[in-house]
Amino acid sequence: LLLDEPLAALDQKLRREMRVELKRLQRAVGISFLFVTHDQEEALTLS
C-alpha cells in the first residue's frame, strides 16, 4: 500500500488519531505500507 502524504489535509488532533489507526490497520492487514511524508513526527511514530 503506497500512501502519499495521506494525513496532510487533516487538522493536528485528527492527524494524531489517524496515525494510531494507520499503524493498527497495517498490523491488521499484514502488508507492507510505503508512506511518504515531510512530517518527522509522523515518520518516527509510525515507521
All heavy atoms as atom14 arrays in JSON, in Angstrom:
{
  "sequence": "LLLDEPLAALDQKLRREMRVELKRLQRAVGISFLFVTHDQEEALTLS",
  "atom14_mask": [
    [1, 1, 1, 1, 1, 1, 1, 1, 0, 0, 0, 0, 0, 0],
    [1, 1, 1, 1, 1, 1, 1, 1, 0, 0, 0, 0, 0, 0],
    [1, 1, 1, 1, 1, 1, 1, 1, 0, 0, 0, 0, 0, 0],
    [1, 1, 1, 1, 1, 1, 1, 1, 0, 0, 0, 0, 0, 0],
    [1, 1, 1, 1, 1, 1, 1, 1, 1, 0, 0, 0, 0, 0],
    [1, 1, 1, 1, 1, 1, 1, 0, 0, 0, 0, 0, 0, 0],
    [1, 1, 1, 1, 1, 1, 1, 1, 0, 0, 0, 0, 0, 0],
    [1, 1, 1, 1, 1, 0, 0, 0, 0, 0, 0, 0, 0, 0],
    [1, 1, 1, 1, 1, 0, 0, 0, 0, 0, 0, 0, 0, 0],
    [1, 1, 1, 1, 1, 1, 1, 1, 0, 0, 0, 0, 0, 0],
    [1, 1, 1, 1, 1, 1, 1, 1, 0, 0, 0, 0, 0, 0],
    [1, 1, 1, 1, 1, 1, 1, 1, 1, 0, 0, 0, 0, 0],
    [1, 1, 1, 1, 1, 1, 1, 1, 1, 0, 0, 0, 0, 0],
    [1, 1, 1, 1, 1, 1, 1, 1, 0, 0, 0, 0, 0, 0],
    [1, 1, 1, 1, 1, 1, 1, 1, 1, 1, 1, 0, 0, 0],
    [1, 1, 1, 1, 1, 1, 1, 1, 1, 1, 1, 0, 0, 0],
    [1, 1, 1, 1, 1, 1, 1, 1, 1, 0, 0, 0, 0, 0],
    [1, 1, 1, 1, 1, 1, 1, 1, 0, 0, 0, 0, 0, 0],
    [1, 1, 1, 1, 1, 1, 1, 1, 1, 1, 1, 0, 0, 0],
    [1, 1, 1, 1, 1, 1, 1, 0, 0, 0, 0, 0, 0, 0],
    [1, 1, 1, 1, 1, 1, 1, 1, 1, 0, 0, 0, 0, 0],
    [1, 1, 1, 1, 1, 1, 1, 1, 0, 0, 0, 0, 0, 0],
    [1, 1, 1, 1, 1, 1, 1, 1, 1, 0, 0, 0, 0, 0],
    [1, 1, 1, 1, 1, 1, 1, 1, 1, 1, 1, 0, 0, 0],
    [1, 1, 1, 1, 1, 1, 1, 1, 0, 0, 0, 0, 0, 0],
    [1, 1, 1, 1, 1, 1, 1, 1, 1, 0, 0, 0, 0, 0],
    [1, 1, 1, 1, 1, 1, 1, 1, 1, 1, 1, 0, 0, 0],
    [1, 1, 1, 1, 1, 0, 0, 0, 0, 0, 0, 0, 0, 0],
    [1, 1, 1, 1, 1, 1, 1, 0, 0, 0, 0, 0, 0, 0],
    [1, 1, 1, 1, 0, 0, 0, 0, 0, 0, 0, 0, 0, 0],
    [1, 1, 1, 1, 1, 1, 1, 1, 0, 0, 0, 0, 0, 0],
    [1, 1, 1, 1, 1, 1, 0, 0, 0, 0, 0, 0, 0, 0],
    [1, 1, 1, 1, 1, 1, 1, 1, 1, 1, 1, 0, 0, 0],
    [1, 1, 1, 1, 1, 1, 1, 1, 0, 0, 0, 0, 0, 0],
    [1, 1, 1, 1, 1, 1, 1, 1, 1, 1, 1, 0, 0, 0],
    [1, 1, 1, 1, 1, 1, 1, 0, 0, 0, 0, 0, 0, 0],
    [1, 1, 1, 1, 1, 1, 1, 0, 0, 0, 0, 0, 0, 0],
    [1, 1, 1, 1, 1, 1, 1, 1, 1, 1, 0, 0, 0, 0],
    [1, 1, 1, 1, 1, 1, 1, 1, 0, 0, 0, 0, 0, 0],
    [1, 1, 1, 1, 1, 1, 1, 1, 1, 0, 0, 0, 0, 0],
    [1, 1, 1, 1, 1, 1, 1, 1, 1, 0, 0, 0, 0, 0],
    [1, 1, 1, 1, 1, 1, 1, 1, 1, 0, 0, 0, 0, 0],
    [1, 1, 1, 1, 1, 0, 0, 0, 0, 0, 0, 0, 0, 0],
    [1, 1, 1, 1, 1, 1, 1, 1, 0, 0, 0, 0, 0, 0],
    [1, 1, 1, 1, 1, 1, 1, 0, 0, 0, 0, 0, 0, 0],
    [1, 1, 1, 1, 1, 1, 1, 1, 0, 0, 0, 0, 0, 0],
    [1, 1, 1, 1, 1, 1, 0, 0, 0, 0, 0, 0, 0, 0]
  ],
  "atom14_positions": [
    [[0.85, -1.18, 0.0], [0.0, 0.0, 0.0], [0.89, 1.23, 0.0], [1.72, 1.41, 0.9], [-0.92, 0.01, 1.22], [-1.94, 1.15, 1.28], [-2.91, 1.07, 0.1], [-2.71, 1.13, 2.59], [0.0, 0.0, 0.0], [0.0, 0.0, 0.0], [0.0, 0.0, 0.0], [0.0, 0.0, 0.0], [0.0, 0.0, 0.0], [0.0, 0.0, 0.0]],
    [[0.74, 2.08, -1.02], [1.51, 3.31, -1.16], [0.67, 4.47, -0.65], [-0.47, 4.65, -1.09], [1.91, 3.54, -2.62], [2.57, 2.36, -3.34], [2.82, 2.71, -4.8], [3.87, 1.97, -2.65], [0.0, 0.0, 0.0], [0.0, 0.0, 0.0], [0.0, 0.0, 0.0], [0.0, 0.0, 0.0], [0.0, 0.0, 0.0], [0.0, 0.0, 0.0]],
    [[1.21, 5.27, 0.25], [0.47, 6.36, 0.86], [1.23, 7.66, 0.66], [2.33, 7.83, 1.18], [0.26, 6.1, 2.36], [-0.48, 4.81, 2.7], [0.5, 3.8, 3.31], [-1.62, 5.06, 3.68], [0.0, 0.0, 0.0], [0.0, 0.0, 0.0], [0.0, 0.0, 0.0], [0.0, 0.0, 0.0], [0.0, 0.0, 0.0], [0.0, 0.0, 0.0]],
    [[0.62, 8.57, -0.13], [1.28, 9.84, -0.48], [0.75, 10.97, 0.4], [-0.3, 11.55, 0.12], [1.04, 10.15, -1.95], [1.83, 11.37, -2.41], [2.7, 11.84, -1.66], [1.56, 11.86, -3.53], [0.0, 0.0, 0.0], [0.0, 0.0, 0.0], [0.0, 0.0, 0.0], [0.0, 0.0, 0.0], [0.0, 0.0, 0.0], [0.0, 0.0, 0.0]],
    [[1.45, 11.27, 1.49], [1.06, 12.33, 2.44], [-0.43, 12.23, 2.78], [-1.17, 13.22, 2.67], [1.37, 13.71, 1.84], [2.81, 13.89, 1.41], [3.61, 14.77, 2.38], [3.17, 14.94, 3.51], [4.66, 15.26, 1.95], [0.0, 0.0, 0.0], [0.0, 0.0, 0.0], [0.0, 0.0, 0.0], [0.0, 0.0, 0.0], [0.0, 0.0, 0.0]],
    [[-0.92, 11.07, 3.2], [-2.37, 10.89, 3.35], [-2.98, 11.67, 4.5], [-4.2, 11.83, 4.54], [-2.49, 9.38, 3.61], [-1.21, 9.01, 4.27], [-0.17, 9.86, 3.59], [0.0, 0.0, 0.0], [0.0, 0.0, 0.0], [0.0, 0.0, 0.0], [0.0, 0.0, 0.0], [0.0, 0.0, 0.0], [0.0, 0.0, 0.0], [0.0, 0.0, 0.0]],
    [[-2.18, 12.18, 5.42], [-2.72, 12.89, 6.59], [-2.55, 14.4, 6.49], [-2.94, 15.12, 7.4], [-2.05, 12.37, 7.87], [-2.05, 10.86, 8.07], [-1.41, 10.51, 9.42], [-3.45, 10.28, 7.99], [0.0, 0.0, 0.0], [0.0, 0.0, 0.0], [0.0, 0.0, 0.0], [0.0, 0.0, 0.0], [0.0, 0.0, 0.0], [0.0, 0.0, 0.0]],
    [[-1.97, 14.87, 5.4], [-1.6, 16.29, 5.3], [-2.8, 17.23, 5.36], [-2.68, 18.36, 5.83], [-0.81, 16.54, 4.03], [0.0, 0.0, 0.0], [0.0, 0.0, 0.0], [0.0, 0.0, 0.0], [0.0, 0.0, 0.0], [0.0, 0.0, 0.0], [0.0, 0.0, 0.0], [0.0, 0.0, 0.0], [0.0, 0.0, 0.0], [0.0, 0.0, 0.0]],
    [[-3.97, 16.79, 4.89], [-5.14, 17.67, 4.84], [-5.93, 17.68, 6.15], [-6.92, 18.41, 6.26], [-6.06, 17.24, 3.69], [0.0, 0.0, 0.0], [0.0, 0.0, 0.0], [0.0, 0.0, 0.0], [0.0, 0.0, 0.0], [0.0, 0.0, 0.0], [0.0, 0.0, 0.0], [0.0, 0.0, 0.0], [0.0, 0.0, 0.0], [0.0, 0.0, 0.0]],
    [[-5.51, 16.9, 7.14], [-6.25, 16.8, 8.39], [-5.69, 17.76, 9.43], [-4.51, 18.13, 9.38], [-6.17, 15.37, 8.93], [-6.62, 14.25, 7.98], [-6.46, 12.9, 8.65], [-8.06, 14.46, 7.53], [0.0, 0.0, 0.0], [0.0, 0.0, 0.0], [0.0, 0.0, 0.0], [0.0, 0.0, 0.0], [0.0, 0.0, 0.0], [0.0, 0.0, 0.0]],
    [[-6.54, 18.16, 10.39], [-6.05, 19.01, 11.46], [-5.16, 18.19, 12.4], [-5.13, 16.96, 12.35], [-7.19, 19.67, 12.22], [-8.11, 18.67, 12.92], [-7.62, 17.86, 13.73], [-9.32, 18.69, 12.64], [0.0, 0.0, 0.0], [0.0, 0.0, 0.0], [0.0, 0.0, 0.0], [0.0, 0.0, 0.0], [0.0, 0.0, 0.0], [0.0, 0.0, 0.0]],
    [[-4.43, 18.89, 13.28], [-3.4, 18.24, 14.08], [-3.96, 17.13, 14.96], [-3.37, 16.04, 15.06], [-2.68, 19.29, 14.94], [-1.46, 18.78, 15.68], [-0.34, 18.34, 14.75], [-0.23, 18.84, 13.64], [0.48, 17.4, 15.19], [0.0, 0.0, 0.0], [0.0, 0.0, 0.0], [0.0, 0.0, 0.0], [0.0, 0.0, 0.0], [0.0, 0.0, 0.0]],
    [[-5.09, 17.37, 15.62], [-5.68, 16.37, 16.5], [-6.08, 15.12, 15.72], [-5.8, 13.99, 16.13], [-6.89, 16.95, 17.23], [-7.55, 15.99, 18.22], [-8.66, 16.69, 18.97], [-9.3, 15.75, 20.01], [-9.99, 14.62, 19.39], [0.0, 0.0, 0.0], [0.0, 0.0, 0.0], [0.0, 0.0, 0.0], [0.0, 0.0, 0.0], [0.0, 0.0, 0.0]],
    [[-6.73, 15.34, 14.57], [-7.17, 14.21, 13.76], [-5.98, 13.45, 13.16], [-6.02, 12.23, 13.02], [-8.1, 14.71, 12.66], [-8.89, 13.64, 11.87], [-9.63, 12.71, 12.82], [-9.85, 14.31, 10.91], [0.0, 0.0, 0.0], [0.0, 0.0, 0.0], [0.0, 0.0, 0.0], [0.0, 0.0, 0.0], [0.0, 0.0, 0.0], [0.0, 0.0, 0.0]],
    [[-4.93, 14.18, 12.83], [-3.73, 13.52, 12.3], [-3.16, 12.55, 13.33], [-2.77, 11.43, 12.99], [-2.67, 14.55, 11.93], [-2.99, 15.32, 10.68], [-2.0, 16.41, 10.4], [-0.75, 15.89, 9.86], [0.18, 16.64, 9.3], [0.01, 17.94, 9.2], [1.27, 16.09, 8.83], [0.0, 0.0, 0.0], [0.0, 0.0, 0.0], [0.0, 0.0, 0.0]],
    [[-3.12, 12.98, 14.59], [-2.59, 12.11, 15.62], [-3.46, 10.88, 15.8], [-2.96, 9.77, 16.01], [-2.46, 12.88, 16.93], [-1.32, 13.89, 16.91], [-1.24, 14.69, 18.18], [-0.08, 15.58, 18.15], [0.11, 16.59, 18.98], [-0.79, 16.84, 19.92], [1.18, 17.34, 18.89], [0.0, 0.0, 0.0], [0.0, 0.0, 0.0], [0.0, 0.0, 0.0]],
    [[-4.78, 11.06, 15.74], [-5.69, 9.92, 15.85], [-5.5, 8.96, 14.67], [-5.5, 7.74, 14.85], [-7.13, 10.41, 15.91], [-7.47, 11.18, 17.18], [-8.86, 11.79, 17.13], [-9.54, 11.66, 16.08], [-9.26, 12.41, 18.13], [0.0, 0.0, 0.0], [0.0, 0.0, 0.0], [0.0, 0.0, 0.0], [0.0, 0.0, 0.0], [0.0, 0.0, 0.0]],
    [[-5.34, 9.52, 13.47], [-5.19, 8.69, 12.28], [-3.86, 7.96, 12.25], [-3.75, 6.88, 11.65], [-5.36, 9.53, 11.01], [-6.8, 9.89, 10.7], [-7.89, 8.44, 10.51], [-7.12, 7.62, 9.1], [0.0, 0.0, 0.0], [0.0, 0.0, 0.0], [0.0, 0.0, 0.0], [0.0, 0.0, 0.0], [0.0, 0.0, 0.0], [0.0, 0.0, 0.0]],
    [[-2.83, 8.5, 12.89], [-1.56, 7.77, 12.98], [-1.77, 6.45, 13.71], [-1.27, 5.4, 13.28], [-0.53, 8.6, 13.76], [0.04, 9.76, 12.99], [0.99, 10.54, 13.9], [1.17, 11.9, 13.42], [1.62, 12.89, 14.15], [1.93, 12.68, 15.43], [1.78, 14.1, 13.65], [0.0, 0.0, 0.0], [0.0, 0.0, 0.0], [0.0, 0.0, 0.0]],
    [[-2.49, 6.5, 14.81], [-2.78, 5.28, 15.57], [-3.56, 4.31, 14.7], [-3.28, 3.1, 14.68], [-3.55, 5.62, 16.86], [-3.94, 4.34, 17.6], [-2.73, 6.53, 17.75], [0.0, 0.0, 0.0], [0.0, 0.0, 0.0], [0.0, 0.0, 0.0], [0.0, 0.0, 0.0], [0.0, 0.0, 0.0], [0.0, 0.0, 0.0], [0.0, 0.0, 0.0]],
    [[-4.55, 4.83, 13.96], [-5.37, 3.98, 13.11], [-4.55, 3.35, 11.97], [-4.74, 2.19, 11.62], [-6.54, 4.78, 12.53], [-7.62, 5.1, 13.54], [-8.21, 3.82, 14.12], [-8.67, 2.97, 13.36], [-8.18, 3.68, 15.36], [0.0, 0.0, 0.0], [0.0, 0.0, 0.0], [0.0, 0.0, 0.0], [0.0, 0.0, 0.0], [0.0, 0.0, 0.0]],
    [[-3.65, 4.14, 11.38], [-2.82, 3.61, 10.3], [-1.95, 2.46, 10.78], [-1.82, 1.43, 10.11], [-1.95, 4.71, 9.71], [-2.53, 5.57, 8.6], [-1.53, 6.64, 8.19], [-2.92, 4.73, 7.4], [0.0, 0.0, 0.0], [0.0, 0.0, 0.0], [0.0, 0.0, 0.0], [0.0, 0.0, 0.0], [0.0, 0.0, 0.0], [0.0, 0.0, 0.0]],
    [[-1.35, 2.63, 11.94], [-0.48, 1.57, 12.48], [-1.3, 0.33, 12.82], [-0.89, -0.8, 12.54], [0.25, 2.08, 13.72], [1.39, 1.18, 14.18], [2.49, 1.11, 13.15], [3.66, 0.27, 13.62], [4.72, 0.17, 12.61], [0.0, 0.0, 0.0], [0.0, 0.0, 0.0], [0.0, 0.0, 0.0], [0.0, 0.0, 0.0], [0.0, 0.0, 0.0]],
    [[-2.48, 0.55, 13.42], [-3.36, -0.59, 13.73], [-3.77, -1.31, 12.45], [-3.75, -2.55, 12.38], [-4.6, -0.09, 14.46], [-5.61, -1.2, 14.79], [-6.92, -0.62, 15.27], [-7.6, 0.15, 14.24], [-8.31, -0.38, 13.26], [-8.42, -1.71, 13.14], [-8.89, 0.38, 12.37], [0.0, 0.0, 0.0], [0.0, 0.0, 0.0], [0.0, 0.0, 0.0]],
    [[-4.11, -0.54, 11.43], [-4.56, -1.12, 10.17], [-3.44, -1.91, 9.49], [-3.66, -3.01, 8.98], [-5.05, 0.0, 9.25], [-5.72, -0.4, 7.95], [-6.96, -1.24, 8.21], [-6.08, 0.84, 7.15], [0.0, 0.0, 0.0], [0.0, 0.0, 0.0], [0.0, 0.0, 0.0], [0.0, 0.0, 0.0], [0.0, 0.0, 0.0], [0.0, 0.0, 0.0]],
    [[-2.21, -1.35, 9.52], [-1.1, -2.05, 8.89], [-0.83, -3.39, 9.57], [-0.58, -4.39, 8.91], [0.15, -1.16, 8.94], [1.31, -1.66, 8.09], [2.3, -2.48, 8.89], [2.44, -2.29, 10.1], [3.0, -3.38, 8.23], [0.0, 0.0, 0.0], [0.0, 0.0, 0.0], [0.0, 0.0, 0.0], [0.0, 0.0, 0.0], [0.0, 0.0, 0.0]],
    [[-0.91, -3.41, 10.88], [-0.71, -4.66, 11.61], [-1.84, -5.65, 11.34], [-1.62, -6.86, 11.26], [-0.6, -4.38, 13.1], [0.71, -3.71, 13.5], [0.71, -3.28, 14.95], [2.0, -2.73, 15.35], [2.2, -2.06, 16.46], [1.2, -1.84, 17.31], [3.41, -1.6, 16.76], [0.0, 0.0, 0.0], [0.0, 0.0, 0.0], [0.0, 0.0, 0.0]],
    [[-3.06, -5.11, 11.18], [-4.21, -5.99, 10.96], [-4.17, -6.66, 9.59], [-4.45, -7.85, 9.47], [-5.51, -5.19, 11.11], [0.0, 0.0, 0.0], [0.0, 0.0, 0.0], [0.0, 0.0, 0.0], [0.0, 0.0, 0.0], [0.0, 0.0, 0.0], [0.0, 0.0, 0.0], [0.0, 0.0, 0.0], [0.0, 0.0, 0.0], [0.0, 0.0, 0.0]],
    [[-3.8, -5.9, 8.55], [-3.8, -6.48, 7.2], [-2.48, -7.19, 6.89], [-2.43, -8.06, 6.02], [-4.1, -5.41, 6.13], [-5.48, -4.84, 6.33], [-3.06, -4.3, 6.13], [0.0, 0.0, 0.0], [0.0, 0.0, 0.0], [0.0, 0.0, 0.0], [0.0, 0.0, 0.0], [0.0, 0.0, 0.0], [0.0, 0.0, 0.0], [0.0, 0.0, 0.0]],
    [[-1.39, -6.82, 7.59], [-0.14, -7.55, 7.48], [0.64, -7.33, 6.2], [1.54, -8.11, 5.88], [0.0, 0.0, 0.0], [0.0, 0.0, 0.0], [0.0, 0.0, 0.0], [0.0, 0.0, 0.0], [0.0, 0.0, 0.0], [0.0, 0.0, 0.0], [0.0, 0.0, 0.0], [0.0, 0.0, 0.0], [0.0, 0.0, 0.0], [0.0, 0.0, 0.0]],
    [[0.31, -6.25, 5.44], [1.05, -5.99, 4.2], [2.02, -4.84, 4.43], [1.97, -4.14, 5.45], [0.11, -5.66, 3.03], [-0.67, -4.36, 3.3], [-0.82, -6.82, 2.75], [-1.51, -3.89, 2.13], [0.0, 0.0, 0.0], [0.0, 0.0, 0.0], [0.0, 0.0, 0.0], [0.0, 0.0, 0.0], [0.0, 0.0, 0.0], [0.0, 0.0, 0.0]],
    [[2.91, -4.63, 3.47], [3.86, -3.53, 3.56], [3.16, -2.21, 3.25], [2.4, -2.12, 2.29], [5.01, -3.74, 2.58], [5.7, -4.93, 2.87], [0.0, 0.0, 0.0], [0.0, 0.0, 0.0], [0.0, 0.0, 0.0], [0.0, 0.0, 0.0], [0.0, 0.0, 0.0], [0.0, 0.0, 0.0], [0.0, 0.0, 0.0], [0.0, 0.0, 0.0]],
    [[3.42, -1.2, 4.08], [2.97, 0.16, 3.81], [4.21, 0.98, 3.46], [5.2, 0.96, 4.19], [2.32, 0.78, 5.05], [0.88, 0.41, 5.26], [0.35, -0.78, 4.8], [0.04, 1.26, 5.98], [-0.97, -1.12, 5.02], [-1.28, 0.94, 6.21], [-1.8, -0.26, 5.74], [0.0, 0.0, 0.0], [0.0, 0.0, 0.0], [0.0, 0.0, 0.0]],
    [[4.15, 1.71, 2.34], [5.21, 2.65, 1.96], [4.61, 4.04, 2.04], [3.74, 4.4, 1.24], [5.75, 2.35, 0.57], [6.94, 3.21, 0.11], [8.1, 3.1, 1.08], [7.38, 2.81, -1.29], [0.0, 0.0, 0.0], [0.0, 0.0, 0.0], [0.0, 0.0, 0.0], [0.0, 0.0, 0.0], [0.0, 0.0, 0.0], [0.0, 0.0, 0.0]],
    [[5.08, 4.82, 3.0], [4.42, 6.04, 3.44], [5.32, 7.24, 3.13], [6.47, 7.28, 3.57], [4.18, 5.91, 4.95], [3.46, 7.05, 5.61], [2.09, 7.15, 5.55], [4.16, 8.01, 6.33], [1.42, 8.18, 6.19], [3.51, 9.04, 6.97], [2.13, 9.12, 6.9], [0.0, 0.0, 0.0], [0.0, 0.0, 0.0], [0.0, 0.0, 0.0]],
    [[4.8, 8.21, 2.37], [5.54, 9.41, 2.04], [5.09, 10.54, 2.95], [3.89, 10.8, 3.1], [5.32, 9.81, 0.57], [5.69, 11.26, 0.33], [6.13, 8.92, -0.35], [0.0, 0.0, 0.0], [0.0, 0.0, 0.0], [0.0, 0.0, 0.0], [0.0, 0.0, 0.0], [0.0, 0.0, 0.0], [0.0, 0.0, 0.0], [0.0, 0.0, 0.0]],
    [[6.05, 11.22, 3.59], [5.71, 12.33, 4.47], [6.88, 13.29, 4.6], [8.03, 12.9, 4.43], [5.3, 11.81, 5.87], [4.91, 12.92, 6.69], [6.45, 11.08, 6.56], [0.0, 0.0, 0.0], [0.0, 0.0, 0.0], [0.0, 0.0, 0.0], [0.0, 0.0, 0.0], [0.0, 0.0, 0.0], [0.0, 0.0, 0.0], [0.0, 0.0, 0.0]],
    [[6.55, 14.56, 4.89], [7.58, 15.54, 5.26], [7.58, 15.76, 6.76], [8.4, 16.51, 7.27], [7.32, 16.87, 4.54], [6.06, 17.55, 4.98], [4.83, 17.28, 4.41], [5.81, 18.45, 5.97], [3.91, 17.98, 5.02], [4.47, 18.71, 5.96], [0.0, 0.0, 0.0], [0.0, 0.0, 0.0], [0.0, 0.0, 0.0], [0.0, 0.0, 0.0]],
    [[6.67, 15.08, 7.45], [6.49, 15.28, 8.89], [7.32, 14.25, 9.66], [7.01, 13.06, 9.67], [5.0, 15.13, 9.23], [4.68, 15.51, 10.67], [5.42, 15.09, 11.57], [3.67, 16.2, 10.89], [0.0, 0.0, 0.0], [0.0, 0.0, 0.0], [0.0, 0.0, 0.0], [0.0, 0.0, 0.0], [0.0, 0.0, 0.0], [0.0, 0.0, 0.0]],
    [[8.37, 14.72, 10.31], [9.27, 13.8, 11.0], [8.57, 13.09, 12.15], [8.87, 11.92, 12.43], [10.49, 14.56, 11.52], [10.14, 15.73, 12.42], [11.37, 16.42, 12.94], [12.0, 15.95, 13.87], [11.72, 17.54, 12.34], [0.0, 0.0, 0.0], [0.0, 0.0, 0.0], [0.0, 0.0, 0.0], [0.0, 0.0, 0.0], [0.0, 0.0, 0.0]],
    [[7.64, 13.76, 12.83], [6.92, 13.12, 13.93], [6.1, 11.95, 13.44], [6.06, 10.89, 14.07], [6.03, 14.13, 14.65], [5.37, 13.58, 15.91], [4.54, 14.61, 16.65], [4.85, 15.82, 16.52], [3.59, 14.22, 17.35], [0.0, 0.0, 0.0], [0.0, 0.0, 0.0], [0.0, 0.0, 0.0], [0.0, 0.0, 0.0], [0.0, 0.0, 0.0]],
    [[5.44, 12.12, 12.29], [4.7, 11.01, 11.69], [5.62, 9.84, 11.39], [5.31, 8.69, 11.71], [4.02, 11.47, 10.39], [2.76, 12.27, 10.6], [2.1, 12.66, 9.29], [2.61, 12.3, 8.21], [1.07, 13.33, 9.35], [0.0, 0.0, 0.0], [0.0, 0.0, 0.0], [0.0, 0.0, 0.0], [0.0, 0.0, 0.0], [0.0, 0.0, 0.0]],
    [[6.74, 10.14, 10.75], [7.66, 9.06, 10.38], [8.2, 8.34, 11.6], [8.27, 7.1, 11.63], [8.8, 9.63, 9.53], [0.0, 0.0, 0.0], [0.0, 0.0, 0.0], [0.0, 0.0, 0.0], [0.0, 0.0, 0.0], [0.0, 0.0, 0.0], [0.0, 0.0, 0.0], [0.0, 0.0, 0.0], [0.0, 0.0, 0.0], [0.0, 0.0, 0.0]],
    [[8.61, 9.09, 12.61], [9.18, 8.46, 13.81], [8.13, 7.64, 14.55], [8.42, 6.59, 15.12], [9.76, 9.53, 14.73], [11.0, 10.26, 14.23], [11.33, 11.44, 15.14], [12.2, 9.33, 14.12], [0.0, 0.0, 0.0], [0.0, 0.0, 0.0], [0.0, 0.0, 0.0], [0.0, 0.0, 0.0], [0.0, 0.0, 0.0], [0.0, 0.0, 0.0]],
    [[6.88, 8.11, 14.55], [5.81, 7.45, 15.28], [5.37, 6.15, 14.6], [5.12, 5.14, 15.27], [4.59, 8.38, 15.41], [4.97, 9.57, 16.08], [3.46, 7.72, 16.18], [0.0, 0.0, 0.0], [0.0, 0.0, 0.0], [0.0, 0.0, 0.0], [0.0, 0.0, 0.0], [0.0, 0.0, 0.0], [0.0, 0.0, 0.0], [0.0, 0.0, 0.0]],
    [[5.3, 6.17, 13.29], [4.67, 5.07, 12.55], [5.64, 4.0, 12.06], [5.27, 2.83, 11.94], [3.92, 5.63, 11.33], [2.66, 6.44, 11.6], [2.21, 7.16, 10.33], [1.55, 5.54, 12.11], [0.0, 0.0, 0.0], [0.0, 0.0, 0.0], [0.0, 0.0, 0.0], [0.0, 0.0, 0.0], [0.0, 0.0, 0.0], [0.0, 0.0, 0.0]],
    [[6.86, 4.38, 11.77], [7.7, 3.55, 10.9], [8.46, 2.45, 11.62], [8.9, 2.61, 12.76], [8.73, 4.44, 10.18], [8.09, 5.51, 9.53], [0.0, 0.0, 0.0], [0.0, 0.0, 0.0], [0.0, 0.0, 0.0], [0.0, 0.0, 0.0], [0.0, 0.0, 0.0], [0.0, 0.0, 0.0], [0.0, 0.0, 0.0], [0.0, 0.0, 0.0]]
  ]
}
